[in-house]
C-alpha atoms as a PDB file:
ATOM      1  CA  MET A   1      -4.572 -15.523 -13.444  1.00  0.00           C
ATOM      2  CA  ARG A   2      -4.654 -11.719 -13.551  1.00  0.00           C
ATOM      3  CA  ILE A   3      -1.862  -9.211 -12.902  1.00  0.00           C
ATOM      4  CA  GLY A   4      -2.199  -5.605 -11.736  1.00  0.00           C
ATOM      5  CA  GLN A   5       0.182  -2.813 -10.888  1.00  0.00           C
ATOM      6  CA  GLY A   6      -0.167   0.145  -8.543  1.00  0.00           C
ATOM      7  CA  TYR A   7       1.730   3.340  -7.786  1.00  0.00           C
ATOM      8  CA  ASP A   8       1.225   6.087  -5.234  1.00  0.00           C
ATOM      9  CA  VAL A   9       3.092   9.047  -3.795  1.00  0.00           C
ATOM     10  CA  HIS A  10       2.533  11.277  -0.779  1.00  0.00           C
ATOM     11  CA  LYS A  11       4.323  14.338   0.521  1.00  0.00           C
ATOM     12  CA  LEU A  12       6.259  14.202   3.818  1.00  0.00           C
ATOM     13  CA  VAL A  13       5.158  16.815   6.371  1.00  0.00           C
ATOM     14  CA  GLU A  14       5.652  17.595  10.052  1.00  0.00           C
ATOM     15  CA  ASP A  15       3.057  16.693  12.684  1.00  0.00           C
ATOM     16  CA  ARG A  16       1.852  13.494  11.002  1.00  0.00           C
ATOM     17  CA  GLU A  17       2.483   9.857  11.878  1.00  0.00           C
ATOM     18  CA  LEU A  18       4.267   7.740   9.268  1.00  0.00           C
ATOM     19  CA  TRP A  19       2.349   4.593   8.311  1.00  0.00           C
ATOM     20  CA  LEU A  20       3.780   2.152   5.759  1.00  0.00           C
ATOM     21  CA  CYS A  21       2.244  -1.257   4.991  1.00  0.00           C
ATOM     22  CA  GLY A  22       0.001  -0.837   8.023  1.00  0.00           C
ATOM     23  CA  VAL A  23       2.925  -0.367  10.418  1.00  0.00           C
ATOM     24  CA  LYS A  24       3.683   2.821  12.338  1.00  0.00           C
ATOM     25  CA  VAL A  25       7.270   3.808  11.504  1.00  0.00           C
ATOM     26  CA  ALA A  26       9.311   6.045  13.795  1.00  0.00           C
ATOM     27  CA  HIS A  27      10.256   9.187  11.848  1.00  0.00           C
ATOM     28  CA  THR A  28      10.348  12.964  12.189  1.00  0.00           C
ATOM     29  CA  HIS A  29       7.736  13.391   9.434  1.00  0.00           C
ATOM     30  CA  GLY A  30       4.626  11.617   8.227  1.00  0.00           C
ATOM     31  CA  LEU A  31       2.767  11.455   4.941  1.00  0.00           C
ATOM     32  CA  LEU A  32       0.104  13.986   4.021  1.00  0.00           C
ATOM     33  CA  GLY A  33      -3.216  12.651   2.820  1.00  0.00           C
ATOM     34  CA  HIS A  34      -6.957  12.450   3.401  1.00  0.00           C
ATOM     35  CA  SER A  35      -6.626   9.034   5.074  1.00  0.00           C
ATOM     36  CA  ASP A  36      -3.601   7.875   7.091  1.00  0.00           C
ATOM     37  CA  ALA A  37      -1.708   8.308   3.776  1.00  0.00           C
ATOM     38  CA  ASP A  38      -0.152   4.833   3.816  1.00  0.00           C
ATOM     39  CA  VAL A  39       1.417   5.130   0.377  1.00  0.00           C
ATOM     40  CA  ALA A  40       2.400   1.442   0.270  1.00  0.00           C
ATOM     41  CA  ILE A  41      -1.092   0.123   1.013  1.00  0.00           C
ATOM     42  CA  HIS A  42      -2.564   2.601  -1.471  1.00  0.00           C
ATOM     43  CA  ALA A  43      -0.276   1.268  -4.215  1.00  0.00           C
ATOM     44  CA  LEU A  44      -1.137  -2.290  -3.180  1.00  0.00           C
ATOM     45  CA  CYS A  45      -4.882  -1.544  -3.328  1.00  0.00           C
ATOM     46  CA  ASP A  46      -4.472  -0.121  -6.826  1.00  0.00           C
ATOM     47  CA  SER A  47      -2.559  -3.211  -7.973  1.00  0.00           C
ATOM     48  CA  LEU A  48      -5.285  -5.521  -6.645  1.00  0.00           C
ATOM     49  CA  LEU A  49      -8.101  -3.409  -8.077  1.00  0.00           C
ATOM     50  CA  GLY A  50      -6.300  -3.153 -11.411  1.00  0.00           C
ATOM     51  CA  ALA A  51      -5.832  -6.902 -11.657  1.00  0.00           C
ATOM     52  CA  ALA A  52      -9.574  -7.362 -11.176  1.00  0.00           C
ATOM     53  CA  ALA A  53     -10.431  -4.468 -13.549  1.00  0.00           C
ATOM     54  CA  LEU A  54     -12.188  -2.657 -10.693  1.00  0.00           C
ATOM     55  CA  ARG A  55     -10.832   0.847 -11.374  1.00  0.00           C
ATOM     56  CA  ASP A  56      -8.676   2.452  -8.645  1.00  0.00           C
ATOM     57  CA  ILE A  57      -8.560   3.366  -4.980  1.00  0.00           C
ATOM     58  CA  GLY A  58      -9.744   6.937  -5.605  1.00  0.00           C
ATOM     59  CA  TYR A  59     -12.880   5.622  -7.289  1.00  0.00           C
ATOM     60  CA  HIS A  60     -13.811   3.386  -4.347  1.00  0.00           C
ATOM     61  CA  PHE A  61     -12.583   5.651  -1.515  1.00  0.00           C
ATOM     62  CA  PRO A  62     -12.661   9.263  -2.793  1.00  0.00           C
ATOM     63  CA  ASP A  63     -10.766  11.911  -0.837  1.00  0.00           C
ATOM     64  CA  THR A  64     -13.853  14.102  -1.194  1.00  0.00           C
ATOM     65  CA  ASP A  65     -15.833  11.757   1.080  1.00  0.00           C
ATOM     66  CA  PRO A  66     -15.554  12.764   4.761  1.00  0.00           C
ATOM     67  CA  LYS A  67     -16.138   9.109   5.674  1.00  0.00           C
ATOM     68  CA  TYR A  68     -12.514   8.400   4.698  1.00  0.00           C
ATOM     69  CA  LYS A  69     -10.952  11.350   6.560  1.00  0.00           C
ATOM     70  CA  GLY A  70      -8.136   9.831   8.646  1.00  0.00           C
ATOM     71  CA  ALA A  71      -9.131   6.324   7.520  1.00  0.00           C
ATOM     72  CA  ASP A  72      -6.919   3.388   8.449  1.00  0.00           C
ATOM     73  CA  SER A  73      -5.578   2.114   5.126  1.00  0.00           C
ATOM     74  CA  LYS A  74      -5.599  -1.458   6.461  1.00  0.00           C
ATOM     75  CA  MET A  75      -9.400  -1.245   6.451  1.00  0.00           C
ATOM     76  CA  LEU A  76      -9.354   0.038   2.866  1.00  0.00           C
ATOM     77  CA  LEU A  77      -7.173  -2.940   1.897  1.00  0.00           C
ATOM     78  CA  LYS A  78      -9.554  -5.331   3.625  1.00  0.00           C
ATOM     79  CA  GLU A  79     -12.467  -3.838   1.648  1.00  0.00           C
ATOM     80  CA  VAL A  80     -10.485  -4.146  -1.608  1.00  0.00           C
ATOM     81  CA  VAL A  81      -9.796  -7.826  -0.932  1.00  0.00           C
ATOM     82  CA  GLY A  82     -13.535  -8.253  -0.353  1.00  0.00           C
ATOM     83  CA  LEU A  83     -14.285  -6.601  -3.696  1.00  0.00           C
ATOM     84  CA  ILE A  84     -11.928  -8.884  -5.610  1.00  0.00           C
ATOM     85  CA  ARG A  85     -13.377 -11.930  -3.852  1.00  0.00           C
ATOM     86  CA  GLU A  86     -16.892 -10.818  -4.828  1.00  0.00           C
ATOM     87  CA  LYS A  87     -15.662 -10.811  -8.429  1.00  0.00           C
ATOM     88  CA  GLY A  88     -14.420 -14.417  -8.069  1.00  0.00           C
ATOM     89  CA  TYR A  89     -10.693 -13.883  -7.454  1.00  0.00           C
ATOM     90  CA  GLU A  90      -8.256 -14.621  -4.652  1.00  0.00           C
ATOM     91  CA  VAL A  91      -4.895 -13.012  -3.936  1.00  0.00           C
ATOM     92  CA  GLY A  92      -2.091 -15.148  -5.368  1.00  0.00           C
ATOM     93  CA  ASN A  93       0.863 -13.046  -4.305  1.00  0.00           C
ATOM     94  CA  VAL A  94       1.834  -9.384  -3.988  1.00  0.00           C
ATOM     95  CA  ASP A  95       5.111  -7.485  -4.222  1.00  0.00           C
ATOM     96  CA  VAL A  96       5.436  -3.960  -2.755  1.00  0.00           C
ATOM     97  CA  THR A  97       8.420  -1.624  -3.171  1.00  0.00           C
ATOM     98  CA  ILE A  98       8.704   1.496  -0.998  1.00  0.00           C
ATOM     99  CA  ILE A  99      10.949   4.278  -2.338  1.00  0.00           C
ATOM    100  CA  ALA A 100      12.268   6.546   0.433  1.00  0.00           C
ATOM    101  CA  GLN A 101      15.591   8.149   1.265  1.00  0.00           C
ATOM    102  CA  ALA A 102      14.639   8.106   4.948  1.00  0.00           C
ATOM    103  CA  PRO A 103      13.799   6.512   7.264  1.00  0.00           C
ATOM    104  CA  LYS A 104      15.591   3.203   6.874  1.00  0.00           C
ATOM    105  CA  LEU A 105      12.951   0.473   6.788  1.00  0.00           C
ATOM    106  CA  LYS A 106      14.968  -2.752   7.085  1.00  0.00           C
ATOM    107  CA  GLY A 107      13.863  -3.298  10.694  1.00  0.00           C
ATOM    108  CA  TYR A 108      10.172  -2.989   9.782  1.00  0.00           C
ATOM    109  CA  ILE A 109       9.942  -5.250   6.727  1.00  0.00           C
ATOM    110  CA  GLU A 110       8.922  -8.493   8.463  1.00  0.00           C
ATOM    111  CA  GLN A 111       6.267  -6.715  10.526  1.00  0.00           C
ATOM    112  CA  MET A 112       4.970  -5.126   7.311  1.00  0.00           C
ATOM    113  CA  ARG A 113       4.772  -8.498   5.578  1.00  0.00           C
ATOM    114  CA  SER A 114       2.986 -10.023   8.555  1.00  0.00           C
ATOM    115  CA  THR A 115       0.507  -7.138   8.769  1.00  0.00           C
ATOM    116  CA  LEU A 116      -0.347  -7.250   5.064  1.00  0.00           C
ATOM    117  CA  SER A 117      -0.700 -11.035   5.029  1.00  0.00           C
ATOM    118  CA  GLY A 118      -3.059 -10.866   8.018  1.00  0.00           C
ATOM    119  CA  VAL A 119      -5.240  -8.151   6.489  1.00  0.00           C
ATOM    120  CA  MET A 120      -5.454  -9.938   3.123  1.00  0.00           C
ATOM    121  CA  GLY A 121      -5.862 -13.396   4.656  1.00  0.00           C
ATOM    122  CA  VAL A 122      -2.957 -14.940   2.741  1.00  0.00           C
ATOM    123  CA  ASP A 123       0.175 -16.788   3.771  1.00  0.00           C
ATOM    124  CA  ILE A 124       3.130 -14.532   4.583  1.00  0.00           C
ATOM    125  CA  ASP A 125       5.110 -16.280   1.826  1.00  0.00           C
ATOM    126  CA  CYS A 126       2.692 -14.648  -0.644  1.00  0.00           C
ATOM    127  CA  VAL A 127       3.709 -11.134   0.495  1.00  0.00           C
ATOM    128  CA  SER A 128       6.937  -9.405  -0.489  1.00  0.00           C
ATOM    129  CA  VAL A 129       7.892  -5.950   0.821  1.00  0.00           C
ATOM    130  CA  LYS A 130      11.089  -4.196  -0.213  1.00  0.00           C
ATOM    131  CA  ALA A 131      12.513  -0.741   0.371  1.00  0.00           C
ATOM    132  CA  THR A 132      14.980   1.254  -1.681  1.00  0.00           C
ATOM    133  CA  THR A 133      16.404   4.757  -1.906  1.00  0.00           C
ATOM    134  CA  THR A 134      16.974   6.939  -4.943  1.00  0.00           C
ATOM    135  CA  GLU A 135      20.597   7.722  -4.045  1.00  0.00           C
ATOM    136  CA  CYS A 136      19.465  11.260  -3.073  1.00  0.00           C
ATOM    137  CA  LEU A 137      17.888  11.908  -6.497  1.00  0.00           C
ATOM    138  CA  GLY A 138      14.374  13.266  -7.064  1.00  0.00           C
ATOM    139  CA  PHE A 139      11.714  14.204  -4.516  1.00  0.00           C
ATOM    140  CA  GLU A 140      12.258  10.977  -2.566  1.00  0.00           C
ATOM    141  CA  GLY A 141      15.992  11.644  -2.457  1.00  0.00           C
ATOM    142  CA  ARG A 142      15.396  15.185  -1.197  1.00  0.00           C
ATOM    143  CA  LYS A 143      13.141  13.678   1.508  1.00  0.00           C
ATOM    144  CA  GLU A 144      10.114  15.602   0.239  1.00  0.00           C
ATOM    145  CA  GLY A 145       7.935  12.506  -0.119  1.00  0.00           C
ATOM    146  CA  ILE A 146       7.710   8.744  -0.329  1.00  0.00           C
ATOM    147  CA  SER A 147       6.433   6.687  -3.234  1.00  0.00           C
ATOM    148  CA  ALA A 148       5.488   3.040  -3.551  1.00  0.00           C
ATOM    149  CA  MET A 149       4.913   0.556  -6.348  1.00  0.00           C
ATOM    150  CA  ALA A 150       3.069  -2.737  -6.122  1.00  0.00           C
ATOM    151  CA  VAL A 151       2.308  -5.716  -8.310  1.00  0.00           C
ATOM    152  CA  ALA A 152      -0.424  -8.241  -7.547  1.00  0.00           C
ATOM    153  CA  LEU A 153      -1.282 -11.616  -8.999  1.00  0.00           C
ATOM    154  CA  LEU A 154      -4.869 -12.753  -8.640  1.00  0.00           C
ATOM    155  CA  LYS A 155      -6.023 -16.302  -9.187  1.00  0.00           C
ATOM    156  CA  ASP A 156      -9.436 -17.749  -9.899  1.00  0.00           C
ATOM    157  CA  GLY A 157     -11.208 -18.145  -6.559  1.00  0.00           C
ATOM    158  CA  THR A 158     -13.650 -20.747  -7.866  1.00  0.00           C
ATOM    159  CA  GLU A 159     -11.052 -23.495  -8.291  1.00  0.00           C
END
């Protein structure tokens, strides 16, 4: 078994859609980034890549490459899962935490879990998604951005 962790942060701006865990979330602002800026999937990709010792999301999908401009992060996640499978691993389970003062995400969590499990090809019971605030502290608390952390467990895919 192999364990990896991931972290990402993006700034909230006007005139962008908000995508978290592959789900469009109703909000007045969206996240700024080269792709769709899905901070939660980006953290998840880094945790999976880290567990397999395959560097990080920026290495595989650089923001300097126009090919990834506006990219759907679900497709990046699908490619990451392919990379870890090529190396002989399978996803055991993942745990994602989204840190945001707003919007409230409780009503989206099950859809997020379902979306991630479908993209990764794992049972929904292997996918945890949580959301928390910072009690109005820091950049998340001031509603300037959203961050996410993820942990992934990989297992030997040859068994």
